[in-house]
Amino acid sequence: MPTVYDEDGFQIRIYLPPREHEPPHVHVFKAGAEVVINLGKANVPPEVREVYRMRKKDALRAYRLVERLKGELLRKWREYHE
């Protein structure tokens, strides 16, 4: 599971096949907590799918980070899953 981005204690990771599955999504970790965010399609915003022990404030920051990096993260996800 490579870390594809690291900022302010948030690590964005993408699991690799065969463990990983559609739809394109990322796992964002911070201080032992995790949020899973679906990346969505070109005109669809990301969507929080699951939250594990992450404070709401941090989950929101993780969402905004993924929202900002969505294009790059979608490219990486496809690169790892093709």
PDB file of N, CA and C in Angstrom:
ATOM      1  N   MET A   1       0.844  -1.164   0.000  1.00  0.00           N
ATOM      2  CA  MET A   1       0.000   0.000   0.000  1.00  0.00           C
ATOM      3  C   MET A   1       0.894   1.234   0.000  1.00  0.00           C
ATOM      4  N   PRO A   2       1.139   1.795  -1.177  1.00  0.00           N
ATOM      5  CA  PRO A   2       2.010   2.968  -1.230  1.00  0.00           C
ATOM      6  C   PRO A   2       1.345   4.229  -0.678  1.00  0.00           C
ATOM      7  N   THR A   3       2.154   5.030   0.001  1.00  0.00           N
ATOM      8  CA  THR A   3       1.710   6.359   0.407  1.00  0.00           C
ATOM      9  C   THR A   3       1.955   7.262  -0.790  1.00  0.00           C
ATOM     10  N   VAL A   4       0.892   7.860  -1.325  1.00  0.00           N
ATOM     11  CA  VAL A   4       1.024   8.682  -2.521  1.00  0.00           C
ATOM     12  C   VAL A   4       1.091  10.168  -2.205  1.00  0.00           C
ATOM     13  N   TYR A   5       0.763  10.531  -0.949  1.00  0.00           N
ATOM     14  CA  TYR A   5       0.828  11.932  -0.557  1.00  0.00           C
ATOM     15  C   TYR A   5       0.910  12.005   0.962  1.00  0.00           C
ATOM     16  N   ASP A   6       1.693  12.961   1.445  1.00  0.00           N
ATOM     17  CA  ASP A   6       1.899  13.125   2.883  1.00  0.00           C
ATOM     18  C   ASP A   6       1.955  14.619   3.184  1.00  0.00           C
ATOM     19  N   GLU A   7       1.024  15.091   4.005  1.00  0.00           N
ATOM     20  CA  GLU A   7       0.986  16.519   4.335  1.00  0.00           C
ATOM     21  C   GLU A   7       0.376  16.731   5.714  1.00  0.00           C
ATOM     22  N   ASP A   8       1.041  17.491   6.559  1.00  0.00           N
ATOM     23  CA  ASP A   8       0.520  17.866   7.881  1.00  0.00           C
ATOM     24  C   ASP A   8       0.023  16.674   8.701  1.00  0.00           C
ATOM     25  N   GLY A   9       0.727  15.567   8.633  1.00  0.00           N
ATOM     26  CA  GLY A   9       0.351  14.395   9.401  1.00  0.00           C
ATOM     27  C   GLY A   9      -0.667  13.497   8.725  1.00  0.00           C
ATOM     28  N   PHE A  10      -1.197  13.908   7.576  1.00  0.00           N
ATOM     29  CA  PHE A  10      -2.141  13.093   6.808  1.00  0.00           C
ATOM     30  C   PHE A  10      -1.371  12.315   5.747  1.00  0.00           C
ATOM     31  N   GLN A  11      -1.583  11.018   5.715  1.00  0.00           N
ATOM     32  CA  GLN A  11      -0.973  10.168   4.698  1.00  0.00           C
ATOM     33  C   GLN A  11      -2.077   9.575   3.845  1.00  0.00           C
ATOM     34  N   ILE A  12      -1.988   9.819   2.533  1.00  0.00           N
ATOM     35  CA  ILE A  12      -2.970   9.271   1.605  1.00  0.00           C
ATOM     36  C   ILE A  12      -2.355   8.041   0.973  1.00  0.00           C
ATOM     37  N   ARG A  13      -3.074   6.917   1.094  1.00  0.00           N
ATOM     38  CA  ARG A  13      -2.569   5.646   0.579  1.00  0.00           C
ATOM     39  C   ARG A  13      -3.576   5.012  -0.358  1.00  0.00           C
ATOM     40  N   ILE A  14      -3.041   4.199  -1.271  1.00  0.00           N
ATOM     41  CA  ILE A  14      -3.864   3.437  -2.201  1.00  0.00           C
ATOM     42  C   ILE A  14      -3.452   1.985  -2.083  1.00  0.00           C
ATOM     43  N   TYR A  15      -4.410   1.132  -1.749  1.00  0.00           N
ATOM     44  CA  TYR A  15      -4.118  -0.299  -1.696  1.00  0.00           C
ATOM     45  C   TYR A  15      -3.970  -0.833  -3.113  1.00  0.00           C
ATOM     46  N   LEU A  16      -3.194  -1.894  -3.249  1.00  0.00           N
ATOM     47  CA  LEU A  16      -2.909  -2.476  -4.562  1.00  0.00           C
ATOM     48  C   LEU A  16      -3.740  -3.730  -4.806  1.00  0.00           C
ATOM     49  N   PRO A  17      -3.940  -4.068  -6.077  1.00  0.00           N
ATOM     50  CA  PRO A  17      -4.615  -5.330  -6.395  1.00  0.00           C
ATOM     51  C   PRO A  17      -3.776  -6.492  -5.873  1.00  0.00           C
ATOM     52  N   PRO A  18      -4.358  -7.599  -5.560  1.00  0.00           N
ATOM     53  CA  PRO A  18      -5.765  -7.954  -5.742  1.00  0.00           C
ATOM     54  C   PRO A  18      -6.646  -7.542  -4.568  1.00  0.00           C
ATOM     55  N   ARG A  19      -6.061  -6.977  -3.507  1.00  0.00           N
ATOM     56  CA  ARG A  19      -6.853  -6.615  -2.332  1.00  0.00           C
ATOM     57  C   ARG A  19      -7.838  -5.493  -2.640  1.00  0.00           C
ATOM     58  N   GLU A  20      -7.452  -4.589  -3.472  1.00  0.00           N
ATOM     59  CA  GLU A  20      -8.254  -3.393  -3.712  1.00  0.00           C
ATOM     60  C   GLU A  20      -9.312  -3.621  -4.777  1.00  0.00           C
ATOM     61  N   HIS A  21     -10.282  -2.728  -4.829  1.00  0.00           N
ATOM     62  CA  HIS A  21     -11.459  -2.921  -5.661  1.00  0.00           C
ATOM     63  C   HIS A  21     -12.004  -1.567  -6.100  1.00  0.00           C
ATOM     64  N   GLU A  22     -12.913  -1.609  -7.066  1.00  0.00           N
ATOM     65  CA  GLU A  22     -13.646  -0.424  -7.503  1.00  0.00           C
ATOM     66  C   GLU A  22     -14.631  -0.038  -6.403  1.00  0.00           C
ATOM     67  N   PRO A  23     -15.106   1.147  -6.355  1.00  0.00           N
ATOM     68  CA  PRO A  23     -14.759   2.305  -7.159  1.00  0.00           C
ATOM     69  C   PRO A  23     -13.438   2.907  -6.688  1.00  0.00           C
ATOM     70  N   PRO A  24     -12.837   3.762  -7.521  1.00  0.00           N
ATOM     71  CA  PRO A  24     -11.587   4.408  -7.110  1.00  0.00           C
ATOM     72  C   PRO A  24     -11.769   5.144  -5.782  1.00  0.00           C
ATOM     73  N   HIS A  25     -10.852   4.887  -4.861  1.00  0.00           N
ATOM     74  CA  HIS A  25     -10.917   5.519  -3.551  1.00  0.00           C
ATOM     75  C   HIS A  25      -9.532   5.520  -2.915  1.00  0.00           C
ATOM     76  N   VAL A  26      -9.394   6.297  -1.865  1.00  0.00           N
ATOM     77  CA  VAL A  26      -8.138   6.366  -1.120  1.00  0.00           C
ATOM     78  C   VAL A  26      -8.420   6.163   0.360  1.00  0.00           C
ATOM     79  N   HIS A  27      -7.374   5.803   1.086  1.00  0.00           N
ATOM     80  CA  HIS A  27      -7.409   5.671   2.538  1.00  0.00           C
ATOM     81  C   HIS A  27      -6.527   6.791   3.085  1.00  0.00           C
ATOM     82  N   VAL A  28      -7.084   7.614   3.946  1.00  0.00           N
ATOM     83  CA  VAL A  28      -6.317   8.715   4.532  1.00  0.00           C
ATOM     84  C   VAL A  28      -6.137   8.406   6.013  1.00  0.00           C
ATOM     85  N   PHE A  29      -4.871   8.409   6.437  1.00  0.00           N
ATOM     86  CA  PHE A  29      -4.522   8.083   7.814  1.00  0.00           C
ATOM     87  C   PHE A  29      -3.960   9.309   8.527  1.00  0.00           C
ATOM     88  N   LYS A  30      -4.273   9.398   9.816  1.00  0.00           N
ATOM     89  CA  LYS A  30      -3.652  10.408  10.678  1.00  0.00           C
ATOM     90  C   LYS A  30      -3.728   9.903  12.108  1.00  0.00           C
ATOM     91  N   ALA A  31      -2.585   9.803  12.743  1.00  0.00           N
ATOM     92  CA  ALA A  31      -2.495   9.443  14.163  1.00  0.00           C
ATOM     93  C   ALA A  31      -3.294   8.183  14.506  1.00  0.00           C
ATOM     94  N   GLY A  32      -3.172   7.165  13.691  1.00  0.00           N
ATOM     95  CA  GLY A  32      -3.837   5.901  13.958  1.00  0.00           C
ATOM     96  C   GLY A  32      -5.301   5.850  13.565  1.00  0.00           C
ATOM     97  N   ALA A  33      -5.829   6.934  13.047  1.00  0.00           N
ATOM     98  CA  ALA A  33      -7.217   6.986  12.587  1.00  0.00           C
ATOM     99  C   ALA A  33      -7.230   6.938  11.061  1.00  0.00           C
ATOM    100  N   GLU A  34      -8.403   6.620  10.509  1.00  0.00           N
ATOM    101  CA  GLU A  34      -8.499   6.448   9.053  1.00  0.00           C
ATOM    102  C   GLU A  34      -9.855   6.914   8.551  1.00  0.00           C
ATOM    103  N   VAL A  35      -9.857   7.474   7.350  1.00  0.00           N
ATOM    104  CA  VAL A  35     -11.081   7.778   6.631  1.00  0.00           C
ATOM    105  C   VAL A  35     -10.893   7.261   5.202  1.00  0.00           C
ATOM    106  N   VAL A  36     -11.929   6.605   4.671  1.00  0.00           N
ATOM    107  CA  VAL A  36     -11.905   6.095   3.299  1.00  0.00           C
ATOM    108  C   VAL A  36     -12.778   7.022   2.471  1.00  0.00           C
ATOM    109  N   ILE A  37     -12.201   7.524   1.375  1.00  0.00           N
ATOM    110  CA  ILE A  37     -12.904   8.512   0.554  1.00  0.00           C
ATOM    111  C   ILE A  37     -12.963   8.036  -0.889  1.00  0.00           C
ATOM    112  N   ASN A  38     -14.188   7.885  -1.418  1.00  0.00           N
ATOM    113  CA  ASN A  38     -14.363   7.582  -2.832  1.00  0.00           C
ATOM    114  C   ASN A  38     -13.991   8.819  -3.638  1.00  0.00           C
ATOM    115  N   LEU A  39     -13.245   8.621  -4.715  1.00  0.00           N
ATOM    116  CA  LEU A  39     -12.774   9.751  -5.501  1.00  0.00           C
ATOM    117  C   LEU A  39     -13.841  10.316  -6.428  1.00  0.00           C
ATOM    118  N   GLY A  40     -14.825   9.520  -6.811  1.00  0.00           N
ATOM    119  CA  GLY A  40     -15.859  10.008  -7.719  1.00  0.00           C
ATOM    120  C   GLY A  40     -15.341  10.085  -9.142  1.00  0.00           C
ATOM    121  N   LYS A  41     -16.195  10.508 -10.041  1.00  0.00           N
ATOM    122  CA  LYS A  41     -15.819  10.669 -11.443  1.00  0.00           C
ATOM    123  C   LYS A  41     -15.495  12.131 -11.696  1.00  0.00           C
ATOM    124  N   ALA A  42     -15.202  12.447 -12.954  1.00  0.00           N
ATOM    125  CA  ALA A  42     -14.756  13.794 -13.303  1.00  0.00           C
ATOM    126  C   ALA A  42     -15.670  14.896 -12.758  1.00  0.00           C
ATOM    127  N   ASN A  43     -16.964  14.756 -12.914  1.00  0.00           N
ATOM    128  CA  ASN A  43     -17.887  15.813 -12.493  1.00  0.00           C
ATOM    129  C   ASN A  43     -18.589  15.519 -11.173  1.00  0.00           C
ATOM    130  N   VAL A  44     -18.139  14.484 -10.475  1.00  0.00           N
ATOM    131  CA  VAL A  44     -18.754  14.091  -9.208  1.00  0.00           C
ATOM    132  C   VAL A  44     -17.735  14.330  -8.092  1.00  0.00           C
ATOM    133  N   PRO A  45     -18.117  15.027  -7.028  1.00  0.00           N
ATOM    134  CA  PRO A  45     -17.163  15.290  -5.946  1.00  0.00           C
ATOM    135  C   PRO A  45     -16.835  14.011  -5.166  1.00  0.00           C
ATOM    136  N   PRO A  46     -15.702  14.017  -4.476  1.00  0.00           N
ATOM    137  CA  PRO A  46     -15.370  12.886  -3.607  1.00  0.00           C
ATOM    138  C   PRO A  46     -16.462  12.687  -2.550  1.00  0.00           C
ATOM    139  N   GLU A  47     -16.488  11.472  -1.983  1.00  0.00           N
ATOM    140  CA  GLU A  47     -17.507  11.147  -0.980  1.00  0.00           C
ATOM    141  C   GLU A  47     -16.877  10.321   0.145  1.00  0.00           C
ATOM    142  N   VAL A  48     -17.094  10.734   1.373  1.00  0.00           N
ATOM    143  CA  VAL A  48     -16.599   9.970   2.523  1.00  0.00           C
ATOM    144  C   VAL A  48     -17.407   8.679   2.608  1.00  0.00           C
ATOM    145  N   ARG A  49     -16.695   7.551   2.617  1.00  0.00           N
ATOM    146  CA  ARG A  49     -17.361   6.252   2.663  1.00  0.00           C
ATOM    147  C   ARG A  49     -17.350   5.664   4.072  1.00  0.00           C
ATOM    148  N   GLU A  50     -16.205   5.742   4.749  1.00  0.00           N
ATOM    149  CA  GLU A  50     -16.077   5.155   6.084  1.00  0.00           C
ATOM    150  C   GLU A  50     -15.117   5.997   6.912  1.00  0.00           C
ATOM    151  N   VAL A  51     -15.384   6.063   8.204  1.00  0.00           N
ATOM    152  CA  VAL A  51     -14.505   6.783   9.139  1.00  0.00           C
ATOM    153  C   VAL A  51     -14.202   5.848  10.303  1.00  0.00           C
ATOM    154  N   TYR A  52     -12.914   5.696  10.613  1.00  0.00           N
ATOM    155  CA  TYR A  52     -12.471   4.839  11.712  1.00  0.00           C
ATOM    156  C   TYR A  52     -11.672   5.677  12.714  1.00  0.00           C
ATOM    157  N   ARG A  53     -12.306   6.027  13.823  1.00  0.00           N
ATOM    158  CA  ARG A  53     -11.664   6.726  14.943  1.00  0.00           C
ATOM    159  C   ARG A  53     -11.103   8.113  14.598  1.00  0.00           C
ATOM    160  N   MET A  54     -11.438   8.679  13.462  1.00  0.00           N
ATOM    161  CA  MET A  54     -10.915   9.996  13.112  1.00  0.00           C
ATOM    162  C   MET A  54     -11.900  11.065  13.587  1.00  0.00           C
ATOM    163  N   ARG A  55     -11.358  12.100  14.214  1.00  0.00           N
ATOM    164  CA  ARG A  55     -12.189  13.220  14.657  1.00  0.00           C
ATOM    165  C   ARG A  55     -12.825  13.906  13.453  1.00  0.00           C
ATOM    166  N   LYS A  56     -14.006  14.464  13.648  1.00  0.00           N
ATOM    167  CA  LYS A  56     -14.716  15.122  12.544  1.00  0.00           C
ATOM    168  C   LYS A  56     -13.876  16.213  11.902  1.00  0.00           C
ATOM    169  N   LYS A  57     -13.183  16.970  12.733  1.00  0.00           N
ATOM    170  CA  LYS A  57     -12.340  18.056  12.225  1.00  0.00           C
ATOM    171  C   LYS A  57     -11.255  17.509  11.297  1.00  0.00           C
ATOM    172  N   ASP A  58     -10.632  16.412  11.687  1.00  0.00           N
ATOM    173  CA  ASP A  58      -9.588  15.817  10.853  1.00  0.00           C
ATOM    174  C   ASP A  58     -10.166  15.151   9.612  1.00  0.00           C
ATOM    175  N   ALA A  59     -11.345  14.538   9.735  1.00  0.00           N
ATOM    176  CA  ALA A  59     -11.988  13.926   8.572  1.00  0.00           C
ATOM    177  C   ALA A  59     -12.326  14.999   7.535  1.00  0.00           C
ATOM    178  N   LEU A  60     -12.758  16.155   7.988  1.00  0.00           N
ATOM    179  CA  LEU A  60     -13.055  17.257   7.078  1.00  0.00           C
ATOM    180  C   LEU A  60     -11.775  17.743   6.396  1.00  0.00           C
ATOM    181  N   ARG A  61     -10.699  17.871   7.159  1.00  0.00           N
ATOM    182  CA  ARG A  61      -9.413  18.280   6.562  1.00  0.00           C
ATOM    183  C   ARG A  61      -8.937  17.246   5.549  1.00  0.00           C
ATOM    184  N   ALA A  62      -9.110  15.954   5.861  1.00  0.00           N
ATOM    185  CA  ALA A  62      -8.725  14.891   4.930  1.00  0.00           C
ATOM    186  C   ALA A  62      -9.554  14.994   3.656  1.00  0.00           C
ATOM    187  N   TYR A  63     -10.856  15.228   3.807  1.00  0.00           N
ATOM    188  CA  TYR A  63     -11.730  15.372   2.645  1.00  0.00           C
ATOM    189  C   TYR A  63     -11.273  16.526   1.765  1.00  0.00           C
ATOM    190  N   ARG A  64     -10.989  17.649   2.364  1.00  0.00           N
ATOM    191  CA  ARG A  64     -10.549  18.824   1.591  1.00  0.00           C
ATOM    192  C   ARG A  64      -9.222  18.570   0.881  1.00  0.00           C
ATOM    193  N   LEU A  65      -8.351  17.837   1.525  1.00  0.00           N
ATOM    194  CA  LEU A  65      -7.072  17.478   0.907  1.00  0.00           C
ATOM    195  C   LEU A  65      -7.317  16.593  -0.320  1.00  0.00           C
ATOM    196  N   VAL A  66      -8.166  15.595  -0.168  1.00  0.00           N
ATOM    197  CA  VAL A  66      -8.486  14.698  -1.291  1.00  0.00           C
ATOM    198  C   VAL A  66      -9.202  15.471  -2.395  1.00  0.00           C
ATOM    199  N   GLU A  67     -10.090  16.359  -2.024  1.00  0.00           N
ATOM    200  CA  GLU A  67     -10.812  17.176  -3.004  1.00  0.00           C
ATOM    201  C   GLU A  67      -9.822  17.991  -3.846  1.00  0.00           C
ATOM    202  N   ARG A  68      -8.834  18.565  -3.192  1.00  0.00           N
ATOM    203  CA  ARG A  68      -7.831  19.384  -3.880  1.00  0.00           C
ATOM    204  C   ARG A  68      -6.953  18.551  -4.800  1.00  0.00           C
ATOM    205  N   LEU A  69      -6.652  17.323  -4.403  1.00  0.00           N
ATOM    206  CA  LEU A  69      -5.727  16.462  -5.150  1.00  0.00           C
ATOM    207  C   LEU A  69      -6.441  15.422  -6.017  1.00  0.00           C
ATOM    208  N   LYS A  70      -7.743  15.543  -6.163  1.00  0.00           N
ATOM    209  CA  LYS A  70      -8.551  14.510  -6.810  1.00  0.00           C
ATOM    210  C   LYS A  70      -8.002  14.055  -8.159  1.00  0.00           C
ATOM    211  N   GLY A  71      -7.671  14.960  -9.048  1.00  0.00           N
ATOM    212  CA  GLY A  71      -7.170  14.584 -10.374  1.00  0.00           C
ATOM    213  C   GLY A  71      -5.915  13.739 -10.297  1.00  0.00           C
ATOM    214  N   GLU A  72      -4.974  14.156  -9.485  1.00  0.00           N
ATOM    215  CA  GLU A  72      -3.721  13.421  -9.306  1.00  0.00           C
ATOM    216  C   GLU A  72      -3.979  12.049  -8.675  1.00  0.00           C
ATOM    217  N   LEU A  73      -4.862  12.000  -7.694  1.00  0.00           N
ATOM    218  CA  LEU A  73      -5.161  10.736  -7.017  1.00  0.00           C
ATOM    219  C   LEU A  73      -5.872   9.751  -7.945  1.00  0.00           C
ATOM    220  N   LEU A  74      -6.782  10.242  -8.776  1.00  0.00           N
ATOM    221  CA  LEU A  74      -7.434   9.372  -9.755  1.00  0.00           C
ATOM    222  C   LEU A  74      -6.430   8.793 -10.738  1.00  0.00           C
ATOM    223  N   ARG A  75      -5.481   9.613 -11.181  1.00  0.00           N
ATOM    224  CA  ARG A  75      -4.427   9.120 -12.095  1.00  0.00           C
ATOM    225  C   ARG A  75      -3.601   8.030 -11.426  1.00  0.00           C
ATOM    226  N   LYS A  76      -3.223   8.250 -10.181  1.00  0.00           N
ATOM    227  CA  LYS A  76      -2.434   7.251  -9.446  1.00  0.00           C
ATOM    228  C   LYS A  76      -3.226   5.964  -9.260  1.00  0.00           C
ATOM    229  N   TRP A  77      -4.504   6.084  -8.870  1.00  0.00           N
ATOM    230  CA  TRP A  77      -5.339   4.909  -8.653  1.00  0.00           C
ATOM    231  C   TRP A  77      -5.409   4.068  -9.926  1.00  0.00           C
ATOM    232  N   ARG A  78      -5.639   4.729 -11.048  1.00  0.00           N
ATOM    233  CA  ARG A  78      -5.729   4.018 -12.335  1.00  0.00           C
ATOM    234  C   ARG A  78      -4.387   3.393 -12.702  1.00  0.00           C
ATOM    235  N   GLU A  79      -3.308   4.107 -12.442  1.00  0.00           N
ATOM    236  CA  GLU A  79      -1.962   3.587 -12.736  1.00  0.00           C
ATOM    237  C   GLU A  79      -1.718   2.283 -11.974  1.00  0.00           C
ATOM    238  N   TYR A  80      -2.122   2.231 -10.730  1.00  0.00           N
ATOM    239  CA  TYR A  80      -1.907   1.040  -9.901  1.00  0.00           C
ATOM    240  C   TYR A  80      -2.873  -0.110 -10.225  1.00  0.00           C
ATOM    241  N   HIS A  81      -4.016   0.220 -10.831  1.00  0.00           N
ATOM    242  CA  HIS A  81      -5.047  -0.793 -11.045  1.00  0.00           C
ATOM    243  C   HIS A  81      -5.256  -1.198 -12.496  1.00  0.00           C
ATOM    244  N   GLU A  82      -4.410  -0.732 -13.398  1.00  0.00           N
ATOM    245  CA  GLU A  82      -4.526  -1.144 -14.809  1.00  0.00           C
ATOM    246  C   GLU A  82      -3.675  -2.344 -15.085  1.00  0.00           C
TER     247      GLU A  82
END
